[in-house]
């Protein structure tokens, strides 16, 4: 968690439920609590972020204990990259829409 806590934010996850799980895990980590599946699911339920598939989703996300750090870091970098790609796609889409207006100065918009 030390390696990824500054790399990701809950909003970086495509799935709001996974973002909520990450927020719960991060909060537990900061309090020194081991983020086990039941505790994370309970934390999510407490804040209204849990759905029927929460425990199943969390169990699916559990990592092999022998490769926790490596797998977590690899997954975090994938999530961060995909989040950045979604943000860039949104910016490009907005730009395309704005630049279709003939009154828009492309140079000003780019600045």
C-alpha atoms as a PDB file:
ATOM      1  CA  UNK A   1       0.000   0.000   0.000  1.00  0.00           C
ATOM      2  CA  UNK A   2       2.874   2.381   0.675  1.00  0.00           C
ATOM      3  CA  UNK A   3       3.912   2.065  -2.960  1.00  0.00           C
ATOM      4  CA  UNK A   4       0.468   2.732  -4.433  1.00  0.00           C
ATOM      5  CA  UNK A   5      -1.303   5.040  -1.977  1.00  0.00           C
ATOM      6  CA  UNK A   6       0.069   8.160  -3.685  1.00  0.00           C
ATOM      7  CA  UNK A   7      -0.332   6.725  -7.180  1.00  0.00           C
ATOM      8  CA  UNK A   8      -4.090   6.135  -7.122  1.00  0.00           C
ATOM      9  CA  UNK A   9      -7.281   7.801  -5.953  1.00  0.00           C
ATOM     10  CA  UNK A  10     -10.670   6.090  -5.672  1.00  0.00           C
ATOM     11  CA  UNK A  11     -11.857   8.036  -8.745  1.00  0.00           C
ATOM     12  CA  UNK A  12      -9.144   6.422 -10.879  1.00  0.00           C
ATOM     13  CA  UNK A  13     -11.068   3.153 -10.997  1.00  0.00           C
ATOM     14  CA  UNK A  14     -13.520   2.658 -13.866  1.00  0.00           C
ATOM     15  CA  UNK A  15     -15.885   0.857 -11.514  1.00  0.00           C
ATOM     16  CA  UNK A  16     -17.231   3.084  -8.709  1.00  0.00           C
ATOM     17  CA  UNK A  17     -17.546  -0.030  -6.546  1.00  0.00           C
ATOM     18  CA  UNK A  18     -13.853  -0.845  -6.956  1.00  0.00           C
ATOM     19  CA  UNK A  19     -13.019   2.780  -6.228  1.00  0.00           C
ATOM     20  CA  UNK A  20     -15.071   2.560  -3.030  1.00  0.00           C
ATOM     21  CA  UNK A  21     -13.267  -0.666  -2.106  1.00  0.00           C
ATOM     22  CA  UNK A  22      -9.926   1.057  -2.650  1.00  0.00           C
ATOM     23  CA  UNK A  23     -11.052   3.989  -0.483  1.00  0.00           C
ATOM     24  CA  UNK A  24     -12.046   1.576   2.293  1.00  0.00           C
ATOM     25  CA  UNK A  25      -8.751  -0.330   2.007  1.00  0.00           C
ATOM     26  CA  UNK A  26      -6.769   2.912   2.020  1.00  0.00           C
ATOM     27  CA  UNK A  27      -8.640   4.168   5.073  1.00  0.00           C
ATOM     28  CA  UNK A  28      -7.976   0.928   6.916  1.00  0.00           C
ATOM     29  CA  UNK A  29      -4.312   1.015   5.940  1.00  0.00           C
ATOM     30  CA  UNK A  30      -3.992   4.554   7.298  1.00  0.00           C
ATOM     31  CA  UNK A  31      -5.546   3.379  10.594  1.00  0.00           C
ATOM     32  CA  UNK A  32      -3.216   0.378  10.786  1.00  0.00           C
ATOM     33  CA  UNK A  33      -6.062  -2.102  10.226  1.00  0.00           C
ATOM     34  CA  UNK A  34      -5.486  -5.151   8.020  1.00  0.00           C
ATOM     35  CA  UNK A  35      -7.965  -4.803   5.119  1.00  0.00           C
ATOM     36  CA  UNK A  36      -9.579  -8.234   5.064  1.00  0.00           C
ATOM     37  CA  UNK A  37     -12.519  -8.944   2.742  1.00  0.00           C
ATOM     38  CA  UNK A  38     -15.239  -8.840   5.409  1.00  0.00           C
ATOM     39  CA  UNK A  39     -13.906  -5.652   7.005  1.00  0.00           C
ATOM     40  CA  UNK A  40     -13.685  -3.879   3.631  1.00  0.00           C
ATOM     41  CA  UNK A  41     -17.188  -5.010   2.656  1.00  0.00           C
ATOM     42  CA  UNK A  42     -18.534  -3.830   6.033  1.00  0.00           C
ATOM     43  CA  UNK A  43     -16.835  -0.449   5.646  1.00  0.00           C
ATOM     44  CA  UNK A  44     -18.353  -0.086   2.175  1.00  0.00           C
ATOM     45  CA  UNK A  45     -21.808  -1.027   3.485  1.00  0.00           C
ATOM     46  CA  UNK A  46     -21.490   1.527   6.291  1.00  0.00           C
ATOM     47  CA  UNK A  47     -20.981   4.298   3.728  1.00  0.00           C
ATOM     48  CA  UNK A  48     -23.587   3.000   1.286  1.00  0.00           C
ATOM     49  CA  UNK A  49     -21.069   1.900  -1.341  1.00  0.00           C
ATOM     50  CA  UNK A  50     -21.670  -1.843  -1.175  1.00  0.00           C
ATOM     51  CA  UNK A  51     -23.863  -3.725  -3.592  1.00  0.00           C
ATOM     52  CA  UNK A  52     -24.887  -7.372  -3.728  1.00  0.00           C
ATOM     53  CA  UNK A  53     -21.688  -8.410  -5.484  1.00  0.00           C
ATOM     54  CA  UNK A  54     -19.291  -6.568  -3.164  1.00  0.00           C
ATOM     55  CA  UNK A  55     -17.971  -9.563  -1.217  1.00  0.00           C
ATOM     56  CA  UNK A  56     -17.678 -11.641  -4.390  1.00  0.00           C
ATOM     57  CA  UNK A  57     -15.862  -8.801  -6.153  1.00  0.00           C
ATOM     58  CA  UNK A  58     -13.492  -8.345  -3.208  1.00  0.00           C
ATOM     59  CA  UNK A  59     -12.730 -12.060  -3.074  1.00  0.00           C
ATOM     60  CA  UNK A  60     -12.032 -12.015  -6.800  1.00  0.00           C
ATOM     61  CA  UNK A  61      -9.557  -9.174  -6.210  1.00  0.00           C
ATOM     62  CA  UNK A  62      -7.666 -10.959  -3.446  1.00  0.00           C
ATOM     63  CA  UNK A  63      -4.057 -11.475  -4.380  1.00  0.00           C
ATOM     64  CA  UNK A  64      -1.787 -14.442  -3.872  1.00  0.00           C
ATOM     65  CA  UNK A  65       0.021 -13.700  -0.563  1.00  0.00           C
ATOM     66  CA  UNK A  66       3.384 -14.702  -2.015  1.00  0.00           C
ATOM     67  CA  UNK A  67       3.207 -11.967  -4.663  1.00  0.00           C
ATOM     68  CA  UNK A  68       1.132  -9.286  -2.919  1.00  0.00           C
ATOM     69  CA  UNK A  69       3.498  -6.359  -3.402  1.00  0.00           C
ATOM     70  CA  UNK A  70       4.419  -7.084  -6.991  1.00  0.00           C
ATOM     71  CA  UNK A  71       0.858  -7.827  -8.081  1.00  0.00           C
ATOM     72  CA  UNK A  72      -0.566  -4.814  -6.249  1.00  0.00           C
ATOM     73  CA  UNK A  73       1.991  -2.450  -7.776  1.00  0.00           C
ATOM     74  CA  UNK A  74       1.430  -3.878 -11.255  1.00  0.00           C
ATOM     75  CA  UNK A  75      -2.348  -3.572 -10.902  1.00  0.00           C
ATOM     76  CA  UNK A  76      -2.046  -0.011  -9.544  1.00  0.00           C
ATOM     77  CA  UNK A  77       0.013   1.068 -12.545  1.00  0.00           C
ATOM     78  CA  UNK A  78      -2.555  -0.448 -14.915  1.00  0.00           C
ATOM     79  CA  UNK A  79      -5.400   1.388 -13.140  1.00  0.00           C
ATOM     80  CA  UNK A  80      -3.445   4.672 -13.177  1.00  0.00           C
ATOM     81  CA  UNK A  81      -2.649   4.298 -16.887  1.00  0.00           C
ATOM     82  CA  UNK A  82      -6.245   3.492 -17.786  1.00  0.00           C
ATOM     83  CA  UNK A  83      -7.502   6.423 -15.699  1.00  0.00           C
ATOM     84  CA  UNK A  84      -5.164   8.781 -17.519  1.00  0.00           C
ATOM     85  CA  UNK A  85      -6.335   7.381 -20.872  1.00  0.00           C
ATOM     86  CA  UNK A  86      -9.995   7.986 -19.898  1.00  0.00           C
ATOM     87  CA  UNK A  87      -9.157  11.547 -18.838  1.00  0.00           C
ATOM     88  CA  UNK A  88      -7.341  12.231 -22.099  1.00  0.00           C
ATOM     89  CA  UNK A  89     -10.221  10.769 -24.101  1.00  0.00           C
ATOM     90  CA  UNK A  90     -12.628  13.111 -22.280  1.00  0.00           C
ATOM     91  CA  UNK A  91     -10.418  16.130 -22.995  1.00  0.00           C
ATOM     92  CA  UNK A  92     -10.161  15.210 -26.688  1.00  0.00           C
ATOM     93  CA  UNK A  93     -13.903  14.667 -26.928  1.00  0.00           C
ATOM     94  CA  UNK A  94     -14.593  18.022 -25.308  1.00  0.00           C
ATOM     95  CA  UNK A  95     -12.088  19.689 -27.653  1.00  0.00           C
ATOM     96  CA  UNK A  96     -13.727  18.188 -30.698  1.00  0.00           C
ATOM     97  CA  UNK A  97     -17.109  19.516 -29.582  1.00  0.00           C
ATOM     98  CA  UNK A  98     -15.799  22.993 -28.712  1.00  0.00           C
ATOM     99  CA  UNK A  99     -13.812  23.315 -31.959  1.00  0.00           C
ATOM    100  CA  UNK A 100     -16.884  22.568 -34.076  1.00  0.00           C
ATOM    101  CA  UNK A 101     -18.143  26.023 -33.102  1.00  0.00           C
ATOM    102  CA  UNK A 102     -16.764  28.433 -35.743  1.00  0.00           C
ATOM    103  CA  UNK A 103     -16.611  31.195 -33.110  1.00  0.00           C
ATOM    104  CA  UNK A 104     -13.985  29.243 -31.157  1.00  0.00           C
ATOM    105  CA  UNK A 105     -10.399  30.355 -31.707  1.00  0.00           C
ATOM    106  CA  UNK A 106      -8.358  27.113 -31.848  1.00  0.00           C
ATOM    107  CA  UNK A 107      -5.235  28.860 -30.537  1.00  0.00           C
ATOM    108  CA  UNK A 108      -7.051  30.274 -27.532  1.00  0.00           C
ATOM    109  CA  UNK A 109      -8.680  26.943 -26.855  1.00  0.00           C
ATOM    110  CA  UNK A 110      -5.357  25.138 -27.002  1.00  0.00           C
ATOM    111  CA  UNK A 111      -3.798  27.633 -24.584  1.00  0.00           C
END
